[in-house]
Amino acid sequence: MKKKVAIIIKSLKNGGAERVVSVLSNSFNKNYDFDIILFDSRGIDYSYSGNIIDLKFYKLDTKFFKIFHFLKLLIKKYKLYKIKYKNNYDCVISFVTNTNKLHMQTYMKNQKNIITVHNNVSIQKNFKTSNKNKLLLSNLYKKADEIIAVSEGVKYDLHSYFDISNEKIKVIYNPININEILEFEDETIQDNKLRSIFEKHDVLINVGSLNDQKAQWNLIRSFSEVYKKFPNTRLVIFGRGKYEQKFQTLINGLNLNNLVILAGYSKAIFTYMFKSKLFLMSSSHEGLGMVLIEALACSLPVISTDCKSGPREILAPNTDVTKTTTKLELTEYGYLTPLMTKTFQSIEKPLTKEEYLFSEAIQNILSNNDIYEKMRKNALNRAKDFDLLNVSKIWKELI
C-alpha cells in the first residue's frame, strides 16, 4: 500500500517555493497517494500531480475583515486539522513561513511532520522587530519531526537566530527537472515583439517578482551604463508585482524605452532563457535562488548579488557560505557582486558604487568571449547537481 503524503502551501501561483512543489509533486505522485493542500487554488501557474484540496482561504482586503483576523485564523486551523485527521496522512510537508506555522499549530503525533524553510526568516520584518514572534516561531519549529532548509545559509540562520539544533535541520536543495528544461532549447518564441528583440540583440534577462526583495531597480540603473558601451544589449525583466509602474517610470526617466522591457509573467520562461546572453539577479535576500539554477541549466552565465543566501552556494560552492563579498568575485559560472540598494532608487539619485560594480561585471563578461564560453560550458554541469533525480532520492528516504 502506498504511503499517504500531503504538501501544504498557500497557492501554486508563480514563485520559487511553488515551482518546487510542482516539481516534487510530479515526482512523488508515482510513489505515494498524494494530496496538495492549498489555501487558494485560483490562478494555478504550474503543472502538478496529485489531488488538490482547496481550503479557500481567500485574501480579503477590507477593514471589516481585518477586525476578524483572529476568527479567520481559528477557522484556518480547524479546517486544516479536520483534513489532516480525516485523511490520516503518513507524512505532511509544509512550505513557507506562514504555512509552516499553521502546520505546527495543527500538529498530529501520528503523522510525520516536516516543514521546509525557503528564506532567511531572521530578515523578515515581523521576526526582526518582535521577540514575541521570534519565540513563537522557534517553539513551533522545534515541534517538527524534520526541518528542511533549502540552503546551508538558511540552516545557519535557523540555528543562529532561532537556536534550533543543527542536528534537527537537514539541507535539501530545491530540485529542477533538467530534462524538462532542455526540451525548451529549440522552441520558438511565440510573442512577435519579444522574438524580434531576442533575435536581433544580446539579451540580459532577469526573472522575478517586481518587489523590494528582487530589487530590479538596481538592474535598470546599472544597465544604463552597460548600454553606453554595448549598444546591442537589451534588458528584459520577466515578472509581475507592485513596482511595475515605478519601474516603467524609471525606464522612461533614464531614456531606456525599448531598451529595457518589462515582459510580465511567462510560462515559457526557459525558451527565453535559452535565447539570452546573460542572467542577472539583484536580490537583497533569497533562501536559495532557484532561478539561478534554472539559468545555469539553460547554459547561461550568471551575475548575482552575494545576498543571504544561496547565490554563493550555487556559484562559489567551495567558499564560506557566511562570507559576503565587498568587491567583484569571479567564479566558474559568473560573478558575485556586493549587495546593492535595498530601497527603491529613483532617477534623481546617482548610481551607487555597487551599481557601477554590477555593470562592470556585465561588461567584463561581454568583452571576453573566452571567459563567456567557459562559463557557458560549466553552467549545465553545475545545474546537474540540483537535478530532480538526485534530490528526489533524498526526499524519498526522508518520507
Protein backbone atom coordinates (compact mmCIF):
# COMPACT_ATOMS: atom_id res chain seq x y z
CA MET A 1 0.00 0.00 0.00
CA LYS A 2 1.26 3.48 -0.91
CA LYS A 3 2.04 5.95 1.85
CA LYS A 4 -0.35 8.90 2.10
CA VAL A 5 1.54 12.17 1.75
CA ALA A 6 0.32 15.78 1.72
CA ILE A 7 2.04 19.05 0.87
CA ILE A 8 0.64 22.30 2.29
CA ILE A 9 1.32 25.59 0.51
CA LYS A 10 -0.58 28.84 0.07
CA SER A 11 -1.03 28.55 -3.71
CA LEU A 12 0.56 27.38 -6.95
CA LYS A 13 0.90 30.88 -8.37
CA ASN A 14 4.29 31.98 -9.69
CA GLY A 15 7.08 31.75 -7.13
CA GLY A 16 10.14 29.69 -6.16
CA ALA A 17 8.56 27.52 -3.45
CA GLU A 18 5.56 26.96 -5.72
CA ARG A 19 7.83 25.71 -8.51
CA VAL A 20 9.45 23.29 -6.07
CA VAL A 21 6.03 21.87 -5.12
CA SER A 22 5.25 21.47 -8.82
CA VAL A 23 8.48 19.56 -9.48
CA LEU A 24 8.19 17.38 -6.35
CA SER A 25 4.51 16.56 -6.90
CA ASN A 26 5.20 15.32 -10.41
CA SER A 27 7.90 13.08 -8.93
CA PHE A 28 6.06 11.97 -5.75
CA ASN A 29 2.79 11.03 -7.40
CA LYS A 30 4.25 7.79 -8.78
CA ASN A 31 5.24 6.57 -5.33
CA TYR A 32 2.63 7.98 -2.95
CA ASP A 33 -1.07 8.59 -2.52
CA PHE A 34 -0.58 12.31 -2.82
CA ASP A 35 -2.55 15.49 -1.95
CA ILE A 36 -1.68 19.17 -2.35
CA ILE A 37 -3.49 21.30 0.25
CA LEU A 38 -3.82 24.90 -0.96
CA PHE A 39 -5.14 27.98 0.81
CA ASP A 40 -6.26 29.31 -2.57
CA SER A 41 -6.39 27.23 -5.76
CA ARG A 42 -7.26 30.14 -8.05
CA GLY A 43 -4.73 31.11 -10.73
CA ILE A 44 -2.52 27.99 -10.75
CA ASP A 45 0.60 28.70 -12.84
CA TYR A 46 2.47 25.39 -12.57
CA SER A 47 1.78 21.81 -13.56
CA TYR A 48 1.20 19.36 -10.72
CA SER A 49 0.30 15.77 -9.98
CA GLY A 50 -1.95 14.51 -7.21
CA ASN A 51 -5.23 15.67 -5.73
CA ILE A 52 -5.84 19.36 -4.98
CA ILE A 53 -7.64 20.19 -1.73
CA ASP A 54 -8.67 23.85 -1.69
CA LEU A 55 -9.19 25.37 1.78
CA LYS A 56 -10.49 28.58 0.12
CA PHE A 57 -8.71 30.99 2.43
CA TYR A 58 -9.09 33.93 0.06
CA LYS A 59 -7.45 37.22 0.96
CA LEU A 60 -9.98 39.94 1.67
CA ASP A 61 -8.54 43.45 1.83
CA THR A 62 -11.37 45.08 3.74
CA LYS A 63 -11.25 46.86 7.09
CA PHE A 64 -14.24 44.82 8.20
CA PHE A 65 -12.45 41.53 7.64
CA LYS A 66 -9.28 42.66 9.40
CA ILE A 67 -11.30 43.05 12.60
CA PHE A 68 -11.96 39.31 12.49
CA HIS A 69 -8.38 38.24 11.73
CA PHE A 70 -8.27 36.09 14.87
CA LEU A 71 -11.52 34.35 13.93
CA LYS A 72 -10.17 33.73 10.43
CA LEU A 73 -7.07 32.10 11.93
CA LEU A 74 -9.17 29.79 14.10
CA ILE A 75 -11.19 28.72 11.05
CA LYS A 76 -7.97 28.01 9.15
CA LYS A 77 -6.67 25.83 11.97
CA TYR A 78 -9.95 23.96 12.27
CA LYS A 79 -10.25 23.25 8.53
CA LEU A 80 -6.64 22.12 8.20
CA TYR A 81 -6.80 19.91 11.31
CA LYS A 82 -10.03 18.35 10.04
CA ILE A 83 -8.43 17.45 6.68
CA LYS A 84 -5.35 16.01 8.36
CA TYR A 85 -7.47 13.94 10.72
CA LYS A 86 -9.86 12.72 8.03
CA ASN A 87 -7.13 11.65 5.59
CA ASN A 88 -4.80 10.19 8.21
CA TYR A 89 -1.62 11.05 6.31
CA ASP A 90 1.64 9.24 6.96
CA CYS A 91 3.61 12.41 6.24
CA VAL A 92 2.69 16.10 5.91
CA ILE A 93 5.14 18.64 4.44
CA SER A 94 4.61 22.41 4.58
CA PHE A 95 6.28 25.16 2.57
CA VAL A 96 6.98 28.81 3.55
CA THR A 97 6.79 30.51 6.96
CA ASN A 98 3.07 31.21 7.48
CA THR A 99 2.11 27.76 6.22
CA ASN A 100 4.77 26.16 8.44
CA LYS A 101 3.26 27.95 11.46
CA LEU A 102 -0.23 26.71 10.68
CA HIS A 103 1.09 23.19 10.09
CA MET A 104 2.76 23.11 13.50
CA GLN A 105 -0.29 24.66 15.19
CA THR A 106 -2.29 21.66 13.92
CA TYR A 107 0.46 19.15 14.75
CA MET A 108 -0.59 15.49 14.87
CA LYS A 109 1.60 12.93 16.63
CA ASN A 110 0.62 10.01 14.41
CA GLN A 111 1.92 11.76 11.27
CA LYS A 112 5.48 12.66 10.29
CA ASN A 113 5.57 16.45 10.33
CA ILE A 114 8.09 18.15 8.03
CA ILE A 115 8.50 21.87 7.48
CA THR A 116 10.59 23.43 4.72
CA VAL A 117 12.24 26.82 5.15
CA HIS A 118 12.85 28.75 1.92
CA ASN A 119 14.26 32.02 3.20
CA ASN A 120 16.29 33.62 5.96
CA VAL A 121 13.47 34.10 8.43
CA SER A 122 15.51 36.46 10.61
CA ILE A 123 15.39 39.04 7.81
CA GLN A 124 11.57 39.12 7.77
CA LYS A 125 10.35 42.28 9.47
CA ASN A 126 7.85 40.71 11.89
CA PHE A 127 10.56 38.45 13.36
CA LYS A 128 13.31 41.06 13.22
CA THR A 129 11.34 43.54 15.33
CA SER A 130 9.41 41.26 17.72
CA ASN A 131 10.94 38.91 20.27
CA LYS A 132 7.45 37.51 20.87
CA ASN A 133 7.12 36.43 17.22
CA LYS A 134 10.65 35.06 17.26
CA LEU A 135 9.96 32.94 20.36
CA LEU A 136 6.63 31.71 18.96
CA LEU A 137 8.18 30.59 15.69
CA SER A 138 11.15 28.99 17.43
CA ASN A 139 8.87 26.91 19.69
CA LEU A 140 6.65 25.88 16.77
CA TYR A 141 9.56 24.87 14.56
CA LYS A 142 11.10 22.78 17.33
CA LYS A 143 7.94 20.63 17.34
CA ALA A 144 8.60 19.47 13.76
CA ASP A 145 9.96 15.97 13.20
CA GLU A 146 12.21 17.29 10.43
CA ILE A 147 13.19 20.81 9.36
CA ILE A 148 14.35 21.13 5.78
CA ALA A 149 16.46 24.16 4.87
CA VAL A 150 16.89 24.88 1.17
CA SER A 151 20.50 26.02 1.65
CA GLU A 152 23.35 25.94 4.14
CA GLY A 153 22.78 29.67 4.59
CA VAL A 154 19.18 29.12 5.68
CA LYS A 155 20.33 26.35 8.04
CA TYR A 156 22.87 28.72 9.59
CA ASP A 157 20.14 31.36 10.01
CA LEU A 158 17.75 28.91 11.74
CA HIS A 159 20.46 27.71 14.10
CA SER A 160 22.00 31.07 14.98
CA TYR A 161 18.82 33.17 15.16
CA PHE A 162 16.21 30.72 16.44
CA ASP A 163 18.51 28.46 18.49
CA ILE A 164 17.37 25.33 16.65
CA SER A 165 19.75 22.38 16.91
CA ASN A 166 21.87 21.75 13.81
CA GLU A 167 21.06 18.05 14.14
CA LYS A 168 17.37 18.77 13.58
CA ILE A 169 17.96 20.72 10.36
CA LYS A 170 18.69 18.95 7.09
CA VAL A 171 19.70 20.78 3.90
CA ILE A 172 17.91 19.63 0.75
CA TYR A 173 18.43 21.89 -2.23
CA ASN A 174 15.46 22.80 -4.40
CA PRO A 175 15.30 20.42 -7.36
CA ILE A 176 14.98 21.20 -11.05
CA ASN A 177 13.97 18.80 -13.80
CA ILE A 178 16.80 19.27 -16.28
CA ASN A 179 15.30 17.01 -18.93
CA GLU A 180 12.10 19.07 -18.94
CA ILE A 181 14.07 22.33 -19.14
CA LEU A 182 16.19 21.07 -22.06
CA GLU A 183 13.01 20.40 -24.06
CA PHE A 184 12.65 24.20 -24.44
CA GLU A 185 16.08 24.69 -26.01
CA ASP A 186 14.89 24.65 -29.63
CA GLU A 187 11.45 26.16 -29.03
CA THR A 188 10.50 29.31 -30.93
CA ILE A 189 9.46 32.46 -29.06
CA GLN A 190 5.76 32.97 -29.82
CA ASP A 191 5.46 36.66 -28.94
CA ASN A 192 6.37 38.57 -32.12
CA LYS A 193 7.77 41.66 -30.41
CA LEU A 194 9.91 39.69 -27.97
CA ARG A 195 11.05 37.26 -30.68
CA SER A 196 12.40 40.20 -32.68
CA ILE A 197 14.27 41.56 -29.64
CA PHE A 198 15.85 38.20 -28.79
CA GLU A 199 16.84 37.52 -32.40
CA LYS A 200 18.45 40.91 -33.02
CA HIS A 201 20.07 41.73 -29.67
CA ASP A 202 22.16 40.35 -26.82
CA VAL A 203 19.53 39.98 -24.12
CA LEU A 204 20.33 40.27 -20.42
CA ILE A 205 17.46 38.50 -18.67
CA ASN A 206 16.02 38.67 -15.18
CA VAL A 207 13.12 36.64 -13.79
CA GLY A 208 11.40 37.52 -10.52
CA SER A 209 8.56 39.34 -8.83
CA LEU A 210 8.77 43.12 -9.16
CA ASN A 211 9.25 43.92 -5.49
CA ASP A 212 11.67 45.05 -2.78
CA GLN A 213 13.31 41.64 -2.37
CA LYS A 214 14.21 41.25 -6.06
CA ALA A 215 15.25 44.95 -6.27
CA GLN A 216 15.32 45.18 -10.08
CA TRP A 217 15.61 48.99 -9.99
CA ASN A 218 19.33 48.28 -9.47
CA LEU A 219 19.42 46.29 -12.73
CA ILE A 220 17.71 49.06 -14.68
CA ARG A 221 20.08 51.70 -13.33
CA SER A 222 23.17 49.51 -13.86
CA PHE A 223 22.07 48.71 -17.40
CA SER A 224 22.11 52.43 -18.26
CA GLU A 225 25.93 52.18 -18.02
CA VAL A 226 26.18 48.86 -19.89
CA TYR A 227 24.23 50.18 -22.87
CA LYS A 228 26.70 53.03 -23.42
CA LYS A 229 29.46 50.55 -24.29
CA PHE A 230 27.33 47.69 -25.60
CA PRO A 231 24.52 49.30 -27.61
CA ASN A 232 23.31 45.94 -28.95
CA THR A 233 22.30 44.79 -25.47
CA ARG A 234 18.75 44.80 -24.12
CA LEU A 235 17.49 44.16 -20.58
CA VAL A 236 14.32 42.05 -20.39
CA ILE A 237 12.68 41.56 -16.99
CA PHE A 238 10.03 38.86 -16.58
CA GLY A 239 7.69 39.02 -13.59
CA ARG A 240 4.70 40.72 -12.01
CA GLY A 241 4.48 42.89 -8.93
CA LYS A 242 3.73 46.14 -7.17
CA TYR A 243 6.68 48.04 -8.68
CA GLU A 244 5.72 47.66 -12.33
CA GLN A 245 4.62 51.28 -12.74
CA LYS A 246 7.57 52.61 -10.73
CA PHE A 247 9.98 50.63 -12.90
CA GLN A 248 8.36 51.90 -16.09
CA THR A 249 8.68 55.48 -14.82
CA LEU A 250 12.37 54.84 -14.04
CA ILE A 251 12.90 53.36 -17.52
CA ASN A 252 11.27 56.40 -19.12
CA GLY A 253 13.27 58.81 -17.00
CA LEU A 254 16.58 57.15 -17.95
CA ASN A 255 15.61 57.25 -21.65
CA LEU A 256 15.74 53.45 -21.81
CA ASN A 257 12.40 52.97 -23.62
CA ASN A 258 12.57 49.91 -25.88
CA LEU A 259 15.96 49.09 -24.33
CA VAL A 260 14.59 47.79 -21.02
CA ILE A 261 11.43 45.72 -21.39
CA LEU A 262 9.07 44.70 -18.59
CA ALA A 263 7.74 41.49 -20.16
CA GLY A 264 5.32 40.31 -17.45
CA TYR A 265 4.86 36.67 -16.49
CA SER A 266 5.53 33.87 -18.97
CA LYS A 267 5.05 30.11 -18.71
CA ALA A 268 7.64 29.71 -21.49
CA ILE A 269 10.44 31.31 -19.48
CA PHE A 270 13.01 28.63 -20.37
CA THR A 271 12.51 29.35 -24.07
CA TYR A 272 13.55 32.94 -23.35
CA MET A 273 16.46 31.87 -21.16
CA PHE A 274 17.93 29.69 -23.89
CA LYS A 275 17.83 32.68 -26.25
CA SER A 276 19.52 35.06 -23.76
CA LYS A 277 23.14 36.13 -23.31
CA LEU A 278 23.38 36.52 -19.51
CA PHE A 279 21.19 36.01 -16.45
CA LEU A 280 21.13 38.81 -13.88
CA MET A 281 19.87 38.78 -10.28
CA SER A 282 19.83 41.78 -7.94
CA SER A 283 18.05 40.32 -4.89
CA SER A 284 18.55 41.76 -1.42
CA HIS A 285 17.93 38.32 0.07
CA GLU A 286 17.00 34.78 -1.00
CA GLY A 287 16.72 31.33 0.50
CA LEU A 288 18.49 29.59 -2.35
CA GLY A 289 17.67 31.40 -5.58
CA MET A 290 16.22 28.54 -7.60
CA VAL A 291 16.04 30.72 -10.71
CA LEU A 292 19.86 30.85 -10.75
CA ILE A 293 19.98 27.06 -11.02
CA GLU A 294 17.41 27.13 -13.82
CA ALA A 295 19.50 29.73 -15.65
CA LEU A 296 22.59 27.51 -15.34
CA ALA A 297 20.56 24.61 -16.76
CA CYS A 298 19.98 26.84 -19.81
CA SER A 299 23.78 27.27 -20.10
CA LEU A 300 23.61 30.91 -19.03
CA PRO A 301 26.48 32.63 -17.20
CA VAL A 302 25.08 34.35 -14.10
CA ILE A 303 25.75 37.65 -12.40
CA SER A 304 24.18 37.88 -8.95
CA THR A 305 24.39 39.91 -5.78
CA ASP A 306 26.05 37.96 -2.97
CA CYS A 307 22.94 38.12 -0.82
CA LYS A 308 21.93 35.89 2.08
CA SER A 309 21.64 33.18 0.97
CA GLY A 310 22.06 30.80 -1.95
CA PRO A 311 23.90 32.63 -4.73
CA ARG A 312 27.28 31.92 -3.12
CA GLU A 313 26.43 28.24 -2.57
CA ILE A 314 25.38 27.92 -6.21
CA LEU A 315 28.09 29.98 -7.91
CA ALA A 316 31.02 29.51 -5.49
CA PRO A 317 30.23 26.22 -3.71
CA ASN A 318 33.67 25.74 -2.16
CA THR A 319 33.65 29.05 -0.24
CA ASP A 320 32.37 30.02 3.21
CA VAL A 321 28.57 30.44 2.97
CA THR A 322 28.62 33.12 5.68
CA LYS A 323 31.00 35.30 3.66
CA THR A 324 29.69 38.36 1.79
CA THR A 325 31.83 39.98 -0.87
CA THR A 326 32.61 43.70 -0.99
CA LYS A 327 34.11 43.55 -4.48
CA LEU A 328 33.58 41.68 -7.75
CA GLU A 329 34.18 37.96 -7.30
CA LEU A 330 34.76 35.91 -10.45
CA THR A 331 33.54 32.29 -10.29
CA GLU A 332 33.42 29.38 -12.72
CA TYR A 333 29.81 30.23 -13.56
CA GLY A 334 29.70 34.04 -13.45
CA TYR A 335 30.17 36.83 -10.94
CA LEU A 336 29.14 37.52 -7.37
CA THR A 337 28.79 41.23 -6.65
CA PRO A 338 28.28 43.30 -3.48
CA LEU A 339 24.72 43.90 -2.33
CA MET A 340 23.11 46.93 -3.95
CA THR A 341 20.48 49.29 -2.54
CA LYS A 342 17.59 47.71 -0.63
CA THR A 343 15.16 50.59 -1.15
CA PHE A 344 13.85 51.93 -4.44
CA GLN A 345 16.18 54.40 -6.16
CA SER A 346 14.70 57.00 -8.47
CA ILE A 347 16.27 58.69 -11.47
CA GLU A 348 17.36 61.69 -9.38
CA LYS A 349 19.86 59.66 -7.36
CA PRO A 350 23.28 58.94 -8.91
CA LEU A 351 24.39 55.35 -9.40
CA THR A 352 25.96 53.82 -6.31
CA LYS A 353 29.39 52.22 -6.23
CA GLU A 354 27.73 48.79 -6.08
CA GLU A 355 25.56 49.51 -9.14
CA TYR A 356 28.67 50.56 -11.07
CA LEU A 357 30.37 47.31 -9.99
CA PHE A 358 27.39 45.28 -11.20
CA SER A 359 27.55 46.98 -14.60
CA GLU A 360 31.30 46.35 -14.66
CA ALA A 361 30.73 42.61 -14.12
CA ILE A 362 28.34 42.53 -17.09
CA GLN A 363 30.82 44.39 -19.28
CA ASN A 364 33.70 42.12 -18.23
CA ILE A 365 31.87 39.02 -19.46
CA LEU A 366 30.53 40.64 -22.63
CA SER A 367 34.01 41.83 -23.59
CA ASN A 368 35.78 38.49 -23.08
CA ASN A 369 34.41 35.72 -25.27
CA ASP A 370 36.83 33.09 -23.90
CA ILE A 371 35.57 33.62 -20.33
CA TYR A 372 31.98 33.73 -21.58
CA GLU A 373 32.21 30.41 -23.42
CA LYS A 374 33.96 28.74 -20.50
CA MET A 375 31.18 29.83 -18.16
CA ARG A 376 28.55 28.53 -20.59
CA LYS A 377 30.20 25.11 -20.68
CA ASN A 378 30.46 24.96 -16.88
CA ALA A 379 26.88 26.09 -16.26
CA LEU A 380 24.94 22.95 -17.20
CA ASN A 381 27.31 20.67 -15.29
CA ARG A 382 26.74 22.73 -12.14
CA ALA A 383 22.95 22.63 -12.63
CA LYS A 384 23.06 18.83 -12.74
CA ASP A 385 23.99 18.81 -9.04
CA PHE A 386 20.42 20.02 -8.36
CA ASP A 387 18.65 17.66 -10.75
CA LEU A 388 15.42 16.05 -9.60
CA LEU A 389 16.89 12.54 -9.95
CA ASN A 390 19.42 13.33 -7.22
CA VAL A 391 17.21 15.42 -4.93
CA SER A 392 14.12 13.18 -5.07
CA LYS A 393 16.13 10.24 -3.70
CA ILE A 394 16.89 12.26 -0.57
CA TRP A 395 13.22 13.21 -0.14
CA LYS A 396 12.05 9.62 -0.57
CA GLU A 397 14.47 8.43 2.11
CA LEU A 398 13.12 11.14 4.43
CA ILE A 399 9.42 10.38 3.90
